[in-house]
């Protein structure tokens, strides 16, 4: 892509101030100062005018939107680690390059996963809420608000990529036994460092773990990877944590297992129909069976600035006529 004037870069959501300032210096940047989620009509208008679109996970850049793209749109620089919000195949068919922002949110997401892993068994949210109700707490008691110990328990990690490995390192320091399911085993060096056990069969791992952490990417192959059948394999004393994508778990099946007491609890930072949250999940959260968070796993200022800097690097590299470092290649439909 080579243009004599600054390219029009349309950014769909409010980004950290340092990133927006840099965007305005480098490009003709159209910002979303109100941070209002754009409608589909507005996204279609944006792609019809822009040289570069910078969407986020909340923007559905589907085939219909991409078909409406003007001839000048040559790059979709996603502000996000994944690209499941973008029809990459349709973009490629139109000659539009897609990039993302990988490898900058690993530690932040792993921190949140570990926090949720503690929050459910130790009933942290329940305990904190009691102190907000004047007069409800009568003091310490030997059998009051008992949770479950996590030290010595078996953690099963679904998806042992960068985030899964970072979760494993934290969990090992907390005294958990590390187990994992992945497309293939990690390196022998990593297995030795984490004292990790590889399970080729996800079913067999699920049936034997005390805590399950979902850390795999969202792809067509991982949609409802934790299906009703697989969730039913888990022990009634087990907990499940998901900071990846909501679609990986059959949410209704999870709700049914929790509601029937066939699973001890869950902690969810993501939801199958996000931003909608199932009313039954809210009810379970009020009953202390679930901890729910509004997609906060990667929400640190440092992480968002790192993401923005990657977006800028991808745009500048592309404009200079080179292959951007974080190009995403299309998968077959």
C-alpha atoms as a PDB file:
ATOM      1  CA  UNK A   1       0.000   0.000   0.000  1.00  0.00           C
ATOM      2  CA  UNK A   2       1.506   3.301  -1.007  1.00  0.00           C
ATOM      3  CA  UNK A   3      -0.283   6.611  -0.569  1.00  0.00           C
ATOM      4  CA  UNK A   4       1.067  10.135  -0.963  1.00  0.00           C
ATOM      5  CA  UNK A   5      -1.065  11.593   1.836  1.00  0.00           C
ATOM      6  CA  UNK A   6      -1.837  10.293   5.275  1.00  0.00           C
ATOM      7  CA  UNK A   7      -4.153   7.274   5.111  1.00  0.00           C
ATOM      8  CA  UNK A   8      -7.596   7.480   6.655  1.00  0.00           C
ATOM      9  CA  UNK A   9      -7.576   5.156   9.660  1.00  0.00           C
ATOM     10  CA  UNK A  10     -10.970   4.558  11.270  1.00  0.00           C
ATOM     11  CA  UNK A  11     -10.771   3.370  14.884  1.00  0.00           C
ATOM     12  CA  UNK A  12     -14.028   1.871  16.108  1.00  0.00           C
ATOM     13  CA  UNK A  13     -13.585   2.267  19.882  1.00  0.00           C
ATOM     14  CA  UNK A  14     -11.867   4.599  22.348  1.00  0.00           C
ATOM     15  CA  UNK A  15      -8.207   3.595  22.794  1.00  0.00           C
ATOM     16  CA  UNK A  16      -5.734   4.745  25.487  1.00  0.00           C
ATOM     17  CA  UNK A  17      -4.827   8.420  25.102  1.00  0.00           C
ATOM     18  CA  UNK A  18      -1.129   7.827  24.218  1.00  0.00           C
ATOM     19  CA  UNK A  19      -2.183   5.536  21.365  1.00  0.00           C
ATOM     20  CA  UNK A  20      -4.798   7.933  19.998  1.00  0.00           C
ATOM     21  CA  UNK A  21      -2.298  10.800  20.158  1.00  0.00           C
ATOM     22  CA  UNK A  22       0.234   8.771  18.169  1.00  0.00           C
ATOM     23  CA  UNK A  23      -2.453   7.713  15.686  1.00  0.00           C
ATOM     24  CA  UNK A  24      -3.350  11.364  15.030  1.00  0.00           C
ATOM     25  CA  UNK A  25       0.314  12.243  14.509  1.00  0.00           C
ATOM     26  CA  UNK A  26       0.886   9.477  11.976  1.00  0.00           C
ATOM     27  CA  UNK A  27      -2.449   9.106  10.177  1.00  0.00           C
ATOM     28  CA  UNK A  28      -5.669  10.855   9.371  1.00  0.00           C
ATOM     29  CA  UNK A  29      -7.277   9.172  12.350  1.00  0.00           C
ATOM     30  CA  UNK A  30     -11.030   9.086  12.828  1.00  0.00           C
ATOM     31  CA  UNK A  31     -11.587   8.394  16.519  1.00  0.00           C
ATOM     32  CA  UNK A  32     -14.574   7.220  18.517  1.00  0.00           C
ATOM     33  CA  UNK A  33     -14.303   9.660  21.412  1.00  0.00           C
ATOM     34  CA  UNK A  34     -17.646   8.567  22.901  1.00  0.00           C
ATOM     35  CA  UNK A  35     -16.548   4.895  22.911  1.00  0.00           C
ATOM     36  CA  UNK A  36     -19.962   3.933  21.584  1.00  0.00           C
ATOM     37  CA  UNK A  37     -20.235   0.535  19.947  1.00  0.00           C
ATOM     38  CA  UNK A  38     -20.784   1.102  16.221  1.00  0.00           C
ATOM     39  CA  UNK A  39     -23.837  -0.310  14.519  1.00  0.00           C
ATOM     40  CA  UNK A  40     -23.524  -2.516  11.464  1.00  0.00           C
ATOM     41  CA  UNK A  41     -24.636   0.389   9.279  1.00  0.00           C
ATOM     42  CA  UNK A  42     -21.870   2.527  10.763  1.00  0.00           C
ATOM     43  CA  UNK A  43     -19.289  -0.215  10.232  1.00  0.00           C
ATOM     44  CA  UNK A  44     -20.355  -0.488   6.592  1.00  0.00           C
ATOM     45  CA  UNK A  45     -19.973   3.269   6.218  1.00  0.00           C
ATOM     46  CA  UNK A  46     -16.527   3.099   7.835  1.00  0.00           C
ATOM     47  CA  UNK A  47     -15.202   0.384   5.517  1.00  0.00           C
ATOM     48  CA  UNK A  48     -16.580   2.216   2.484  1.00  0.00           C
ATOM     49  CA  UNK A  49     -14.359   5.210   3.272  1.00  0.00           C
ATOM     50  CA  UNK A  50     -11.289   4.021   5.155  1.00  0.00           C
ATOM     51  CA  UNK A  51      -7.844   2.990   3.987  1.00  0.00           C
ATOM     52  CA  UNK A  52      -7.384   1.120   7.270  1.00  0.00           C
ATOM     53  CA  UNK A  53      -9.999  -0.121   9.735  1.00  0.00           C
ATOM     54  CA  UNK A  54      -9.019  -0.697  13.377  1.00  0.00           C
ATOM     55  CA  UNK A  55     -11.836  -2.769  14.931  1.00  0.00           C
ATOM     56  CA  UNK A  56     -12.014  -4.506  18.300  1.00  0.00           C
ATOM     57  CA  UNK A  57     -13.520  -7.737  19.582  1.00  0.00           C
ATOM     58  CA  UNK A  58     -16.906  -5.992  19.914  1.00  0.00           C
ATOM     59  CA  UNK A  59     -17.090  -5.300  16.151  1.00  0.00           C
ATOM     60  CA  UNK A  60     -18.457  -8.035  13.911  1.00  0.00           C
ATOM     61  CA  UNK A  61     -16.628  -7.617  10.606  1.00  0.00           C
ATOM     62  CA  UNK A  62     -18.524 -10.285   8.718  1.00  0.00           C
ATOM     63  CA  UNK A  63     -18.811 -11.033   5.007  1.00  0.00           C
ATOM     64  CA  UNK A  64     -21.578  -8.466   4.536  1.00  0.00           C
ATOM     65  CA  UNK A  65     -19.458  -5.687   6.014  1.00  0.00           C
ATOM     66  CA  UNK A  66     -16.409  -6.706   3.994  1.00  0.00           C
ATOM     67  CA  UNK A  67     -18.401  -6.810   0.745  1.00  0.00           C
ATOM     68  CA  UNK A  68     -19.320  -3.178   1.389  1.00  0.00           C
ATOM     69  CA  UNK A  69     -15.662  -2.142   1.618  1.00  0.00           C
ATOM     70  CA  UNK A  70     -14.522   0.577  -0.711  1.00  0.00           C
ATOM     71  CA  UNK A  71     -11.597   0.095  -3.094  1.00  0.00           C
ATOM     72  CA  UNK A  72      -9.252   1.958  -0.747  1.00  0.00           C
ATOM     73  CA  UNK A  73      -9.651  -0.398   2.210  1.00  0.00           C
ATOM     74  CA  UNK A  74      -6.561  -2.577   2.156  1.00  0.00           C
ATOM     75  CA  UNK A  75      -5.928  -3.378   5.817  1.00  0.00           C
ATOM     76  CA  UNK A  76      -7.992  -4.415   8.832  1.00  0.00           C
ATOM     77  CA  UNK A  77      -5.680  -3.989  11.831  1.00  0.00           C
ATOM     78  CA  UNK A  78      -7.556  -5.678  14.646  1.00  0.00           C
ATOM     79  CA  UNK A  79      -7.069  -4.320  18.159  1.00  0.00           C
ATOM     80  CA  UNK A  80      -7.145  -7.757  19.741  1.00  0.00           C
ATOM     81  CA  UNK A  81      -5.261 -11.006  20.109  1.00  0.00           C
ATOM     82  CA  UNK A  82      -7.767 -13.075  18.145  1.00  0.00           C
ATOM     83  CA  UNK A  83      -9.571 -12.487  14.880  1.00  0.00           C
ATOM     84  CA  UNK A  84     -12.742 -14.499  15.482  1.00  0.00           C
ATOM     85  CA  UNK A  85     -14.662 -11.231  15.082  1.00  0.00           C
ATOM     86  CA  UNK A  86     -13.450 -10.917  11.474  1.00  0.00           C
ATOM     87  CA  UNK A  87     -14.237 -13.030   8.406  1.00  0.00           C
ATOM     88  CA  UNK A  88     -10.603 -13.397   7.385  1.00  0.00           C
ATOM     89  CA  UNK A  89     -11.488 -15.569   4.379  1.00  0.00           C
ATOM     90  CA  UNK A  90     -13.863 -12.936   2.981  1.00  0.00           C
ATOM     91  CA  UNK A  91     -11.229 -10.252   3.582  1.00  0.00           C
ATOM     92  CA  UNK A  92      -8.592 -12.230   1.703  1.00  0.00           C
ATOM     93  CA  UNK A  93     -10.994 -12.704  -1.206  1.00  0.00           C
ATOM     94  CA  UNK A  94     -11.230  -8.914  -1.471  1.00  0.00           C
ATOM     95  CA  UNK A  95      -7.457  -8.501  -1.227  1.00  0.00           C
ATOM     96  CA  UNK A  96      -7.668  -7.032   2.278  1.00  0.00           C
ATOM     97  CA  UNK A  97      -4.900  -7.906   4.733  1.00  0.00           C
ATOM     98  CA  UNK A  98      -5.837  -8.679   8.350  1.00  0.00           C
ATOM     99  CA  UNK A  99      -3.539  -8.285  11.363  1.00  0.00           C
ATOM    100  CA  UNK A 100      -3.927  -8.785  15.110  1.00  0.00           C
ATOM    101  CA  UNK A 101      -2.001  -8.032  18.310  1.00  0.00           C
ATOM    102  CA  UNK A 102      -0.610 -11.323  19.645  1.00  0.00           C
ATOM    103  CA  UNK A 103       1.741 -12.015  22.548  1.00  0.00           C
ATOM    104  CA  UNK A 104       1.106  -8.853  24.573  1.00  0.00           C
ATOM    105  CA  UNK A 105      -1.731  -9.994  26.837  1.00  0.00           C
ATOM    106  CA  UNK A 106      -0.299 -13.287  28.059  1.00  0.00           C
ATOM    107  CA  UNK A 107       0.725 -12.229  31.547  1.00  0.00           C
ATOM    108  CA  UNK A 108      -2.346 -10.056  32.194  1.00  0.00           C
ATOM    109  CA  UNK A 109      -4.741 -12.831  31.180  1.00  0.00           C
ATOM    110  CA  UNK A 110      -2.798 -15.414  33.182  1.00  0.00           C
ATOM    111  CA  UNK A 111      -2.981 -13.148  36.250  1.00  0.00           C
ATOM    112  CA  UNK A 112      -6.757 -12.900  35.921  1.00  0.00           C
ATOM    113  CA  UNK A 113      -7.097 -16.644  35.382  1.00  0.00           C
ATOM    114  CA  UNK A 114      -5.189 -17.285  38.578  1.00  0.00           C
ATOM    115  CA  UNK A 115      -7.306 -14.732  40.438  1.00  0.00           C
ATOM    116  CA  UNK A 116     -10.495 -16.475  39.311  1.00  0.00           C
ATOM    117  CA  UNK A 117      -9.014 -19.845  40.178  1.00  0.00           C
ATOM    118  CA  UNK A 118      -8.740 -18.589  43.756  1.00  0.00           C
ATOM    119  CA  UNK A 119     -11.990 -16.622  43.802  1.00  0.00           C
ATOM    120  CA  UNK A 120     -14.432 -19.485  43.342  1.00  0.00           C
ATOM    121  CA  UNK A 121     -13.138 -22.192  45.699  1.00  0.00           C
ATOM    122  CA  UNK A 122     -12.264 -19.617  48.396  1.00  0.00           C
ATOM    123  CA  UNK A 123     -15.597 -17.746  47.983  1.00  0.00           C
ATOM    124  CA  UNK A 124     -13.900 -14.360  47.716  1.00  0.00           C
ATOM    125  CA  UNK A 125     -16.769 -12.493  46.057  1.00  0.00           C
ATOM    126  CA  UNK A 126     -19.302 -13.898  48.521  1.00  0.00           C
ATOM    127  CA  UNK A 127     -17.141 -12.855  51.452  1.00  0.00           C
ATOM    128  CA  UNK A 128     -16.521  -9.358  50.126  1.00  0.00           C
ATOM    129  CA  UNK A 129     -20.216  -8.770  49.486  1.00  0.00           C
ATOM    130  CA  UNK A 130     -21.154  -9.637  53.075  1.00  0.00           C
ATOM    131  CA  UNK A 131     -19.106  -6.712  54.391  1.00  0.00           C
ATOM    132  CA  UNK A 132     -21.086  -4.340  52.167  1.00  0.00           C
ATOM    133  CA  UNK A 133     -24.296  -5.293  53.989  1.00  0.00           C
ATOM    134  CA  UNK A 134     -24.308  -3.464  57.329  1.00  0.00           C
ATOM    135  CA  UNK A 135     -24.864  -5.752  60.274  1.00  0.00           C
ATOM    136  CA  UNK A 136     -24.797  -8.995  58.308  1.00  0.00           C
ATOM    137  CA  UNK A 137     -21.371 -10.101  59.549  1.00  0.00           C
ATOM    138  CA  UNK A 138     -21.341 -11.233  63.153  1.00  0.00           C
ATOM    139  CA  UNK A 139     -17.682 -12.172  63.268  1.00  0.00           C
ATOM    140  CA  UNK A 140     -15.466 -15.172  62.661  1.00  0.00           C
ATOM    141  CA  UNK A 141     -16.769 -18.690  63.138  1.00  0.00           C
ATOM    142  CA  UNK A 142     -15.004 -22.054  62.737  1.00  0.00           C
ATOM    143  CA  UNK A 143     -17.498 -23.421  60.220  1.00  0.00           C
ATOM    144  CA  UNK A 144     -18.599 -20.189  58.575  1.00  0.00           C
ATOM    145  CA  UNK A 145     -17.899 -19.418  54.871  1.00  0.00           C
ATOM    146  CA  UNK A 146     -15.829 -22.532  54.347  1.00  0.00           C
ATOM    147  CA  UNK A 147     -14.344 -22.827  50.892  1.00  0.00           C
ATOM    148  CA  UNK A 148     -12.078 -25.385  49.284  1.00  0.00           C
ATOM    149  CA  UNK A 149      -8.281 -25.567  49.388  1.00  0.00           C
ATOM    150  CA  UNK A 150      -6.516 -25.308  46.031  1.00  0.00           C
ATOM    151  CA  UNK A 151      -3.035 -26.359  47.197  1.00  0.00           C
ATOM    152  CA  UNK A 152      -2.434 -29.960  46.188  1.00  0.00           C
ATOM    153  CA  UNK A 153      -5.314 -30.053  43.717  1.00  0.00           C
ATOM    154  CA  UNK A 154      -5.084 -31.141  40.073  1.00  0.00           C
ATOM    155  CA  UNK A 155      -5.371 -28.393  37.467  1.00  0.00           C
ATOM    156  CA  UNK A 156      -6.299 -29.350  33.912  1.00  0.00           C
ATOM    157  CA  UNK A 157      -5.407 -26.705  31.331  1.00  0.00           C
ATOM    158  CA  UNK A 158      -7.271 -26.829  28.023  1.00  0.00           C
ATOM    159  CA  UNK A 159      -4.900 -25.202  25.532  1.00  0.00           C
ATOM    160  CA  UNK A 160      -1.241 -25.035  26.526  1.00  0.00           C
ATOM    161  CA  UNK A 161      -0.168 -22.078  24.406  1.00  0.00           C
ATOM    162  CA  UNK A 162       1.479 -18.959  25.783  1.00  0.00           C
ATOM    163  CA  UNK A 163      -1.383 -18.110  28.144  1.00  0.00           C
ATOM    164  CA  UNK A 164      -1.918 -21.697  29.261  1.00  0.00           C
ATOM    165  CA  UNK A 165       1.787 -22.053  30.011  1.00  0.00           C
ATOM    166  CA  UNK A 166       1.804 -18.772  31.949  1.00  0.00           C
ATOM    167  CA  UNK A 167      -1.199 -20.005  33.963  1.00  0.00           C
ATOM    168  CA  UNK A 168       0.634 -23.259  34.659  1.00  0.00           C
ATOM    169  CA  UNK A 169       3.662 -21.409  36.039  1.00  0.00           C
ATOM    170  CA  UNK A 170       1.492 -19.431  38.438  1.00  0.00           C
ATOM    171  CA  UNK A 171      -0.544 -22.454  39.463  1.00  0.00           C
ATOM    172  CA  UNK A 172       2.559 -24.540  40.149  1.00  0.00           C
ATOM    173  CA  UNK A 173       3.758 -21.835  42.554  1.00  0.00           C
ATOM    174  CA  UNK A 174       0.422 -22.217  44.380  1.00  0.00           C
ATOM    175  CA  UNK A 175       1.038 -25.921  44.808  1.00  0.00           C
ATOM    176  CA  UNK A 176      -1.269 -27.304  42.143  1.00  0.00           C
ATOM    177  CA  UNK A 177      -0.435 -30.377  40.093  1.00  0.00           C
ATOM    178  CA  UNK A 178      -0.282 -29.387  36.411  1.00  0.00           C
ATOM    179  CA  UNK A 179      -2.053 -31.373  33.702  1.00  0.00           C
ATOM    180  CA  UNK A 180      -2.909 -30.246  30.188  1.00  0.00           C
ATOM    181  CA  UNK A 181      -4.612 -31.123  26.913  1.00  0.00           C
ATOM    182  CA  UNK A 182      -3.271 -29.644  23.693  1.00  0.00           C
ATOM    183  CA  UNK A 183      -3.064 -30.498  20.010  1.00  0.00           C
ATOM    184  CA  UNK A 184       0.429 -31.776  20.763  1.00  0.00           C
ATOM    185  CA  UNK A 185       2.676 -31.950  23.814  1.00  0.00           C
ATOM    186  CA  UNK A 186       4.747 -28.920  24.760  1.00  0.00           C
ATOM    187  CA  UNK A 187       8.523 -29.178  24.678  1.00  0.00           C
ATOM    188  CA  UNK A 188      10.164 -31.643  27.084  1.00  0.00           C
ATOM    189  CA  UNK A 189      11.942 -28.682  28.705  1.00  0.00           C
ATOM    190  CA  UNK A 190       8.635 -26.956  29.480  1.00  0.00           C
ATOM    191  CA  UNK A 191       7.049 -30.193  30.717  1.00  0.00           C
ATOM    192  CA  UNK A 192      10.001 -30.761  33.021  1.00  0.00           C
ATOM    193  CA  UNK A 193       9.937 -27.165  34.331  1.00  0.00           C
ATOM    194  CA  UNK A 194       6.208 -27.363  35.122  1.00  0.00           C
ATOM    195  CA  UNK A 195       6.197 -31.045  36.080  1.00  0.00           C
ATOM    196  CA  UNK A 196       3.246 -31.185  33.716  1.00  0.00           C
ATOM    197  CA  UNK A 197       1.358 -34.260  32.538  1.00  0.00           C
ATOM    198  CA  UNK A 198       0.059 -34.345  28.962  1.00  0.00           C
ATOM    199  CA  UNK A 199      -3.368 -35.872  28.270  1.00  0.00           C
ATOM    200  CA  UNK A 200      -4.026 -36.800  24.672  1.00  0.00           C
ATOM    201  CA  UNK A 201      -7.662 -37.475  25.597  1.00  0.00           C
ATOM    202  CA  UNK A 202      -9.554 -34.398  26.742  1.00  0.00           C
ATOM    203  CA  UNK A 203     -12.364 -36.621  28.030  1.00  0.00           C
ATOM    204  CA  UNK A 204     -10.044 -38.555  30.318  1.00  0.00           C
ATOM    205  CA  UNK A 205      -8.441 -35.383  31.661  1.00  0.00           C
ATOM    206  CA  UNK A 206     -11.769 -33.691  32.397  1.00  0.00           C
ATOM    207  CA  UNK A 207     -12.942 -36.694  34.423  1.00  0.00           C
ATOM    208  CA  UNK A 208      -9.929 -36.564  36.735  1.00  0.00           C
ATOM    209  CA  UNK A 209      -9.286 -32.865  37.437  1.00  0.00           C
ATOM    210  CA  UNK A 210     -10.272 -30.684  40.384  1.00  0.00           C
ATOM    211  CA  UNK A 211     -10.047 -27.431  38.401  1.00  0.00           C
ATOM    212  CA  UNK A 212     -10.299 -26.883  34.635  1.00  0.00           C
ATOM    213  CA  UNK A 213      -8.855 -23.732  33.056  1.00  0.00           C
ATOM    214  CA  UNK A 214      -9.933 -22.929  29.485  1.00  0.00           C
ATOM    215  CA  UNK A 215      -7.115 -21.161  27.617  1.00  0.00           C
ATOM    216  CA  UNK A 216      -7.435 -22.276  23.999  1.00  0.00           C
ATOM    217  CA  UNK A 217      -8.276 -19.947  21.086  1.00  0.00           C
ATOM    218  CA  UNK A 218     -11.751 -19.677  19.621  1.00  0.00           C
ATOM    219  CA  UNK A 219     -11.887 -21.434  16.248  1.00  0.00           C
ATOM    220  CA  UNK A 220     -14.533 -23.500  14.442  1.00  0.00           C
ATOM    221  CA  UNK A 221     -12.804 -26.576  15.889  1.00  0.00           C
ATOM    222  CA  UNK A 222     -13.092 -25.345  19.489  1.00  0.00           C
ATOM    223  CA  UNK A 223     -16.734 -24.216  19.337  1.00  0.00           C
ATOM    224  CA  UNK A 224     -18.447 -25.999  22.248  1.00  0.00           C
ATOM    225  CA  UNK A 225     -15.260 -27.994  22.806  1.00  0.00           C
ATOM    226  CA  UNK A 226     -16.562 -28.356  26.333  1.00  0.00           C
ATOM    227  CA  UNK A 227     -19.897 -29.786  25.263  1.00  0.00           C
ATOM    228  CA  UNK A 228     -22.717 -31.033  27.454  1.00  0.00           C
ATOM    229  CA  UNK A 229     -21.296 -34.543  27.231  1.00  0.00           C
ATOM    230  CA  UNK A 230     -17.821 -33.428  28.264  1.00  0.00           C
ATOM    231  CA  UNK A 231     -18.963 -31.150  31.078  1.00  0.00           C
ATOM    232  CA  UNK A 232     -20.930 -34.107  32.460  1.00  0.00           C
ATOM    233  CA  UNK A 233     -17.653 -36.027  32.732  1.00  0.00           C
ATOM    234  CA  UNK A 234     -16.318 -33.623  35.345  1.00  0.00           C
ATOM    235  CA  UNK A 235     -16.400 -34.486  39.030  1.00  0.00           C
ATOM    236  CA  UNK A 236     -19.158 -32.866  41.133  1.00  0.00           C
ATOM    237  CA  UNK A 237     -16.427 -31.313  43.316  1.00  0.00           C
ATOM    238  CA  UNK A 238     -14.690 -29.695  40.318  1.00  0.00           C
ATOM    239  CA  UNK A 239     -14.511 -26.050  39.261  1.00  0.00           C
ATOM    240  CA  UNK A 240     -14.128 -24.518  35.812  1.00  0.00           C
ATOM    241  CA  UNK A 241     -12.500 -21.200  34.860  1.00  0.00           C
ATOM    242  CA  UNK A 242     -12.822 -19.555  31.436  1.00  0.00           C
ATOM    243  CA  UNK A 243     -10.857 -16.462  30.396  1.00  0.00           C
ATOM    244  CA  UNK A 244     -10.600 -17.460  26.718  1.00  0.00           C
ATOM    245  CA  UNK A 245     -13.849 -17.166  24.716  1.00  0.00           C
ATOM    246  CA  UNK A 246     -17.407 -17.916  25.774  1.00  0.00           C
ATOM    247  CA  UNK A 247     -18.194 -20.027  22.706  1.00  0.00           C
ATOM    248  CA  UNK A 248     -15.704 -22.707  23.772  1.00  0.00           C
ATOM    249  CA  UNK A 249     -18.116 -23.857  26.496  1.00  0.00           C
ATOM    250  CA  UNK A 250     -21.708 -24.935  25.955  1.00  0.00           C
ATOM    251  CA  UNK A 251     -22.989 -22.289  28.367  1.00  0.00           C
ATOM    252  CA  UNK A 252     -26.457 -23.768  28.831  1.00  0.00           C
ATOM    253  CA  UNK A 253     -24.965 -27.175  29.631  1.00  0.00           C
ATOM    254  CA  UNK A 254     -22.661 -25.552  32.179  1.00  0.00           C
ATOM    255  CA  UNK A 255     -25.611 -23.754  33.774  1.00  0.00           C
ATOM    256  CA  UNK A 256     -27.565 -27.031  33.982  1.00  0.00           C
ATOM    257  CA  UNK A 257     -24.686 -28.848  35.703  1.00  0.00           C
ATOM    258  CA  UNK A 258     -24.218 -26.040  38.214  1.00  0.00           C
ATOM    259  CA  UNK A 259     -27.947 -25.718  38.856  1.00  0.00           C
ATOM    260  CA  UNK A 260     -28.258 -29.448  39.524  1.00  0.00           C
ATOM    261  CA  UNK A 261     -25.264 -29.478  41.874  1.00  0.00           C
ATOM    262  CA  UNK A 262     -23.233 -31.671  39.544  1.00  0.00           C
ATOM    263  CA  UNK A 263     -20.396 -29.135  39.459  1.00  0.00           C
ATOM    264  CA  UNK A 264     -19.075 -27.132  42.406  1.00  0.00           C
ATOM    265  CA  UNK A 265     -18.601 -23.799  40.689  1.00  0.00           C
ATOM    266  CA  UNK A 266     -17.368 -21.749  37.765  1.00  0.00           C
ATOM    267  CA  UNK A 267     -15.607 -18.450  37.121  1.00  0.00           C
ATOM    268  CA  UNK A 268     -16.305 -16.789  33.789  1.00  0.00           C
ATOM    269  CA  UNK A 269     -14.754 -13.663  32.291  1.00  0.00           C
ATOM    270  CA  UNK A 270     -16.353 -14.357  28.898  1.00  0.00           C
ATOM    271  CA  UNK A 271     -19.799 -15.449  27.731  1.00  0.00           C
ATOM    272  CA  UNK A 272     -21.242 -17.333  24.792  1.00  0.00           C
ATOM    273  CA  UNK A 273     -23.535 -14.488  23.681  1.00  0.00           C
ATOM    274  CA  UNK A 274     -21.473 -11.572  24.926  1.00  0.00           C
ATOM    275  CA  UNK A 275     -22.251  -8.844  25.870  1.00  0.00           C
ATOM    276  CA  UNK A 276     -25.525 -10.540  26.874  1.00  0.00           C
ATOM    277  CA  UNK A 277     -25.193 -12.513  30.115  1.00  0.00           C
ATOM    278  CA  UNK A 278     -27.611 -15.357  30.727  1.00  0.00           C
ATOM    279  CA  UNK A 279     -30.018 -14.456  33.549  1.00  0.00           C
ATOM    280  CA  UNK A 280     -29.505 -17.926  35.020  1.00  0.00           C
ATOM    281  CA  UNK A 281     -25.790 -17.207  35.349  1.00  0.00           C
ATOM    282  CA  UNK A 282     -26.600 -14.029  37.241  1.00  0.00           C
ATOM    283  CA  UNK A 283     -28.855 -16.050  39.555  1.00  0.00           C
ATOM    284  CA  UNK A 284     -26.106 -18.620  40.135  1.00  0.00           C
ATOM    285  CA  UNK A 285     -23.651 -15.798  40.825  1.00  0.00           C
ATOM    286  CA  UNK A 286     -25.954 -14.389  43.505  1.00  0.00           C
ATOM    287  CA  UNK A 287     -26.124 -17.884  45.016  1.00  0.00           C
ATOM    288  CA  UNK A 288     -22.319 -18.063  45.146  1.00  0.00           C
ATOM    289  CA  UNK A 289     -22.018 -20.813  42.531  1.00  0.00           C
ATOM    290  CA  UNK A 290     -20.418 -18.611  39.882  1.00  0.00           C
ATOM    291  CA  UNK A 291     -18.104 -15.626  39.717  1.00  0.00           C
ATOM    292  CA  UNK A 292     -18.769 -13.544  36.616  1.00  0.00           C
ATOM    293  CA  UNK A 293     -16.643 -10.682  35.311  1.00  0.00           C
ATOM    294  CA  UNK A 294     -17.266  -8.348  32.327  1.00  0.00           C
ATOM    295  CA  UNK A 295     -14.417  -9.500  30.045  1.00  0.00           C
ATOM    296  CA  UNK A 296     -11.643  -7.963  32.168  1.00  0.00           C
ATOM    297  CA  UNK A 297      -8.940 -10.584  31.627  1.00  0.00           C
ATOM    298  CA  UNK A 298      -6.605  -8.364  29.626  1.00  0.00           C
ATOM    299  CA  UNK A 299      -7.810  -5.042  31.014  1.00  0.00           C
ATOM    300  CA  UNK A 300      -4.619  -3.342  32.144  1.00  0.00           C
ATOM    301  CA  UNK A 301      -3.417   0.038  30.925  1.00  0.00           C
ATOM    302  CA  UNK A 302      -0.034  -1.434  30.061  1.00  0.00           C
ATOM    303  CA  UNK A 303      -1.618  -4.214  28.047  1.00  0.00           C
ATOM    304  CA  UNK A 304      -3.887  -1.906  26.078  1.00  0.00           C
ATOM    305  CA  UNK A 305      -0.983   0.418  25.242  1.00  0.00           C
ATOM    306  CA  UNK A 306       1.087  -2.571  24.089  1.00  0.00           C
ATOM    307  CA  UNK A 307      -1.810  -3.636  21.860  1.00  0.00           C
ATOM    308  CA  UNK A 308      -2.117  -0.157  20.386  1.00  0.00           C
ATOM    309  CA  UNK A 309       1.580   0.003  19.644  1.00  0.00           C
ATOM    310  CA  UNK A 310       1.337  -3.295  17.773  1.00  0.00           C
ATOM    311  CA  UNK A 311      -1.577  -1.924  15.735  1.00  0.00           C
ATOM    312  CA  UNK A 312       0.500   1.121  14.803  1.00  0.00           C
ATOM    313  CA  UNK A 313       3.498  -1.012  13.816  1.00  0.00           C
ATOM    314  CA  UNK A 314       1.282  -3.198  11.626  1.00  0.00           C
ATOM    315  CA  UNK A 315      -0.255  -0.166   9.900  1.00  0.00           C
ATOM    316  CA  UNK A 316       3.057   1.621   9.323  1.00  0.00           C
ATOM    317  CA  UNK A 317       4.750  -1.521   8.021  1.00  0.00           C
ATOM    318  CA  UNK A 318       1.882  -2.151   5.624  1.00  0.00           C
ATOM    319  CA  UNK A 319       1.773   1.456   4.392  1.00  0.00           C
ATOM    320  CA  UNK A 320       5.506   1.293   3.724  1.00  0.00           C
ATOM    321  CA  UNK A 321       4.888  -1.613   1.378  1.00  0.00           C
ATOM    322  CA  UNK A 322       6.103  -4.421   3.611  1.00  0.00           C
ATOM    323  CA  UNK A 323       4.396  -7.439   5.089  1.00  0.00           C
ATOM    324  CA  UNK A 324       3.101  -6.515   8.558  1.00  0.00           C
ATOM    325  CA  UNK A 325       4.572  -8.630  11.362  1.00  0.00           C
ATOM    326  CA  UNK A 326       1.211  -9.820  12.702  1.00  0.00           C
ATOM    327  CA  UNK A 327      -0.554 -10.770   9.492  1.00  0.00           C
ATOM    328  CA  UNK A 328      -3.304 -13.371   9.944  1.00  0.00           C
ATOM    329  CA  UNK A 329      -3.677 -15.924   7.178  1.00  0.00           C
ATOM    330  CA  UNK A 330      -7.166 -17.221   6.343  1.00  0.00           C
ATOM    331  CA  UNK A 331      -8.270 -20.675   7.334  1.00  0.00           C
ATOM    332  CA  UNK A 332     -10.532 -22.756   5.128  1.00  0.00           C
ATOM    333  CA  UNK A 333     -14.204 -22.310   5.910  1.00  0.00           C
END
